[in-house]
Amino acid sequence: MKLYFSATSPFVRKVMVAAHEREVAHRIELTGPQAAAPGSLRSDNPLEKVPTLVLDDGRRLFDSFVIVEWLNSCGSGPNLIPADARERSEVLRRHALADGIMEAAVSSVMERRRPEERQWDGFLAHQRGKIERAIASLDREAGAFGGTVDLSTIAVGSALGYVTFRLADLDWKTGHGALVRWFAAFSQRPSMTSTEPRDP
């Protein structure tokens, strides 16, 4: 398998944490922007986005949720997406919150890379509000996360890791003690330590 990736993308991290938890990470060849042949990502994914997974049989999967769902059928380890309808809906709901944090955080980072005079303060404030509200909501649930490893906790860990990495001025830890404690423990998992984001 080949995964088009970026070392700092929280969506890629979600996929790779899932791959480690399902014990299939060793089967994945990582292909970054510098190593990929020109135009190869575009030919494998019309959206030209990471993560994109090319399977051994040539099939292409894109969108981090689609990839994690497929990885959940491989290897062994914790079941990441419950079959029970009620449990599944709860996992998917928390996953949606975490994905929303990632999307808002990535959008904020991209906006801040524009020339200062062209940055839209209203847009940044709107994204910050999304992140803060989602984190507050997750903090109210964090006490029940325990040691659970599933799609939602992997996504939450990846989202909080990205906010910590890229949006240091957003002090998400203040007032969210339950989520801080959970994140501190979850971040010690080998799947998380081996995928911690860092600039190239």
Protein backbone atom coordinates (compact mmCIF):
# COMPACT_ATOMS: atom_id res chain seq x y z
CA MET A 1 0.00 0.00 0.00
CA LYS A 2 1.11 3.54 -0.69
CA LEU A 3 -0.09 6.56 1.27
CA TYR A 4 0.32 10.08 -0.01
CA PHE A 5 0.96 12.04 3.15
CA SER A 6 2.08 15.23 4.81
CA ALA A 7 3.96 14.96 8.10
CA THR A 8 1.93 17.79 9.61
CA SER A 9 -1.60 16.97 8.37
CA PRO A 10 -3.96 15.98 11.21
CA PHE A 11 -6.02 13.96 8.73
CA VAL A 12 -2.95 11.96 7.72
CA ARG A 13 -2.09 11.49 11.38
CA LYS A 14 -5.56 10.10 12.04
CA VAL A 15 -4.99 7.52 9.31
CA MET A 16 -1.53 6.59 10.54
CA VAL A 17 -2.59 6.30 14.19
CA ALA A 18 -5.37 3.97 13.04
CA ALA A 19 -2.87 1.98 10.96
CA HIS A 20 -0.60 1.57 13.99
CA GLU A 21 -3.49 0.56 16.22
CA ARG A 22 -4.63 -2.03 13.65
CA GLU A 23 -1.01 -3.22 13.33
CA VAL A 24 -0.77 -2.57 9.58
CA ALA A 25 1.42 0.55 9.55
CA HIS A 26 4.43 -1.53 8.49
CA ARG A 27 2.58 -2.41 5.27
CA ILE A 28 2.20 1.24 4.23
CA GLU A 29 4.76 3.05 2.09
CA LEU A 30 4.68 6.78 2.79
CA THR A 31 5.03 9.08 -0.19
CA GLY A 32 5.49 12.76 0.58
CA PRO A 33 5.24 15.74 -1.77
CA GLN A 34 8.97 15.74 -2.50
CA ALA A 35 9.18 12.02 -3.25
CA ALA A 36 6.03 11.69 -5.34
CA ALA A 37 6.35 11.83 -9.11
CA PRO A 38 4.97 15.09 -10.57
CA GLY A 39 1.23 14.77 -11.11
CA SER A 40 0.96 11.35 -9.46
CA LEU A 41 -1.26 12.49 -6.59
CA ARG A 42 -3.58 14.23 -9.05
CA SER A 43 -3.84 11.07 -11.13
CA ASP A 44 -4.60 8.96 -8.05
CA ASN A 45 -7.03 11.47 -6.50
CA PRO A 46 -8.85 14.02 -8.67
CA LEU A 47 -9.09 16.28 -5.60
CA GLU A 48 -5.29 16.19 -5.23
CA LYS A 49 -5.51 15.95 -1.45
CA VAL A 50 -3.80 13.96 1.26
CA PRO A 51 -4.33 11.44 2.64
CA THR A 52 -4.79 9.24 -0.42
CA LEU A 53 -4.22 5.50 -0.11
CA VAL A 54 -3.35 3.33 -3.10
CA LEU A 55 -4.10 -0.30 -2.34
CA ASP A 56 -2.02 -3.23 -3.51
CA ASP A 57 -4.68 -4.09 -6.09
CA GLY A 58 -4.54 -0.56 -7.52
CA ARG A 59 -7.73 0.79 -5.95
CA ARG A 60 -7.54 4.35 -4.65
CA LEU A 61 -9.12 5.49 -1.40
CA PHE A 62 -9.38 9.09 -0.33
CA ASP A 63 -10.83 10.97 2.62
CA SER A 64 -9.40 10.03 5.99
CA PHE A 65 -12.65 8.47 7.23
CA VAL A 66 -12.92 6.21 4.18
CA ILE A 67 -9.31 5.12 4.64
CA VAL A 68 -9.70 4.43 8.37
CA GLU A 69 -12.88 2.48 7.72
CA TRP A 70 -10.96 0.29 5.26
CA LEU A 71 -8.01 -0.11 7.64
CA ASN A 72 -10.47 -1.28 10.28
CA SER A 73 -11.03 -4.37 8.12
CA CYS A 74 -7.30 -5.14 8.07
CA GLY A 75 -4.86 -6.53 10.61
CA SER A 76 -5.84 -6.84 14.23
CA GLY A 77 -6.22 -4.59 17.25
CA PRO A 78 -9.15 -2.58 18.59
CA ASN A 79 -12.30 -2.33 16.50
CA LEU A 80 -12.34 1.35 15.54
CA ILE A 81 -15.92 1.64 14.29
CA PRO A 82 -18.60 -0.21 16.26
CA ALA A 83 -21.20 -2.30 14.45
CA ASP A 84 -23.95 -1.51 16.96
CA ALA A 85 -26.00 1.37 15.54
CA ARG A 86 -26.22 3.39 18.76
CA GLU A 87 -22.52 3.02 19.59
CA ARG A 88 -21.56 3.75 15.99
CA SER A 89 -23.60 6.96 15.90
CA GLU A 90 -21.89 8.20 19.06
CA VAL A 91 -18.43 7.42 17.69
CA LEU A 92 -19.26 9.11 14.39
CA ARG A 93 -20.70 12.16 16.17
CA ARG A 94 -17.53 12.68 18.21
CA HIS A 95 -15.48 12.02 15.08
CA ALA A 96 -17.41 14.78 13.31
CA LEU A 97 -16.59 17.21 16.12
CA ALA A 98 -12.91 16.32 15.92
CA ASP A 99 -12.88 16.59 12.13
CA GLY A 100 -14.51 19.99 12.45
CA ILE A 101 -11.69 21.11 14.74
CA MET A 102 -9.14 19.89 12.19
CA GLU A 103 -10.87 21.64 9.29
CA ALA A 104 -11.16 24.92 11.18
CA ALA A 105 -7.57 24.73 12.42
CA VAL A 106 -6.14 23.96 8.98
CA SER A 107 -8.22 26.78 7.48
CA SER A 108 -6.86 29.15 10.13
CA VAL A 109 -3.27 28.12 9.42
CA MET A 110 -3.74 28.64 5.68
CA GLU A 111 -5.34 32.05 6.21
CA ARG A 112 -2.47 33.15 8.44
CA ARG A 113 -0.02 32.28 5.68
CA ARG A 114 -1.50 34.95 3.47
CA PRO A 115 0.12 38.41 3.58
CA GLU A 116 -1.00 40.09 6.78
CA GLU A 117 -2.85 42.86 4.98
CA ARG A 118 -4.92 40.25 3.11
CA GLN A 119 -5.90 38.15 6.12
CA TRP A 120 -9.57 38.22 7.05
CA ASP A 121 -9.92 38.70 10.80
CA GLY A 122 -13.62 37.82 10.72
CA PHE A 123 -12.86 34.48 9.09
CA LEU A 124 -10.18 33.69 11.67
CA ALA A 125 -12.53 34.59 14.52
CA HIS A 126 -15.23 32.34 13.05
CA GLN A 127 -12.83 29.39 12.81
CA ARG A 128 -11.58 30.00 16.34
CA GLY A 129 -15.15 29.95 17.61
CA LYS A 130 -15.75 26.56 16.00
CA ILE A 131 -12.62 25.14 17.60
CA GLU A 132 -13.39 26.54 21.05
CA ARG A 133 -17.01 25.33 21.06
CA ALA A 134 -16.07 21.86 19.85
CA ILE A 135 -13.32 21.53 22.45
CA ALA A 136 -15.70 22.64 25.21
CA SER A 137 -18.22 20.02 24.05
CA LEU A 138 -15.59 17.27 24.01
CA ASP A 139 -14.37 18.30 27.46
CA ARG A 140 -17.84 17.58 28.84
CA GLU A 141 -17.57 14.02 27.48
CA ALA A 142 -13.89 13.32 28.09
CA GLY A 143 -14.44 11.76 31.50
CA ALA A 144 -16.16 8.83 29.77
CA PHE A 145 -13.42 8.26 27.17
CA GLY A 146 -11.26 6.23 29.53
CA GLY A 147 -8.81 4.06 27.62
CA THR A 148 -11.10 3.62 24.62
CA VAL A 149 -9.36 3.51 21.25
CA ASP A 150 -11.72 4.05 18.34
CA LEU A 151 -12.21 6.33 15.36
CA SER A 152 -13.45 9.18 17.55
CA THR A 153 -10.69 9.13 20.17
CA ILE A 154 -8.05 8.83 17.45
CA ALA A 155 -9.58 11.83 15.69
CA VAL A 156 -9.82 13.85 18.90
CA GLY A 157 -6.19 13.10 19.74
CA SER A 158 -5.08 14.07 16.23
CA ALA A 159 -7.12 17.28 16.30
CA LEU A 160 -5.83 18.42 19.69
CA GLY A 161 -2.29 17.55 18.65
CA TYR A 162 -2.62 19.76 15.58
CA VAL A 163 -4.12 22.68 17.52
CA THR A 164 -1.27 22.41 20.03
CA PHE A 165 1.28 22.22 17.20
CA ARG A 166 0.01 24.97 14.91
CA LEU A 167 -2.19 27.28 17.01
CA ALA A 168 -0.15 27.81 20.15
CA ASP A 169 -1.89 31.14 20.80
CA LEU A 170 -5.21 29.31 21.23
CA ASP A 171 -4.94 28.22 24.85
CA TRP A 172 -7.32 25.28 24.55
CA LYS A 173 -6.18 23.63 27.78
CA THR A 174 -7.40 26.32 30.18
CA GLY A 175 -10.77 25.35 31.63
CA HIS A 176 -10.83 21.92 30.00
CA GLY A 177 -9.22 19.79 32.67
CA ALA A 178 -10.95 16.52 31.79
CA LEU A 179 -9.92 16.75 28.15
CA VAL A 180 -6.37 17.80 29.09
CA ARG A 181 -5.95 14.78 31.35
CA TRP A 182 -7.33 12.41 28.75
CA PHE A 183 -5.14 13.89 25.99
CA ALA A 184 -2.02 13.65 28.15
CA ALA A 185 -2.62 9.93 28.67
CA PHE A 186 -3.73 9.17 25.11
CA SER A 187 -0.71 11.00 23.69
CA GLN A 188 1.57 8.43 25.34
CA ARG A 189 0.27 5.62 23.15
CA PRO A 190 2.99 4.39 20.75
CA SER A 191 0.66 5.12 17.83
CA MET A 192 0.55 8.77 18.89
CA THR A 193 4.21 9.25 19.80
CA SER A 194 5.34 7.78 16.48
CA THR A 195 3.08 10.12 14.49
CA GLU A 196 3.63 13.37 16.37
CA PRO A 197 3.59 16.27 13.88
CA ARG A 198 6.82 18.07 13.14
CA ASP A 199 7.96 20.46 10.48
CA PRO A 200 10.15 18.91 7.76
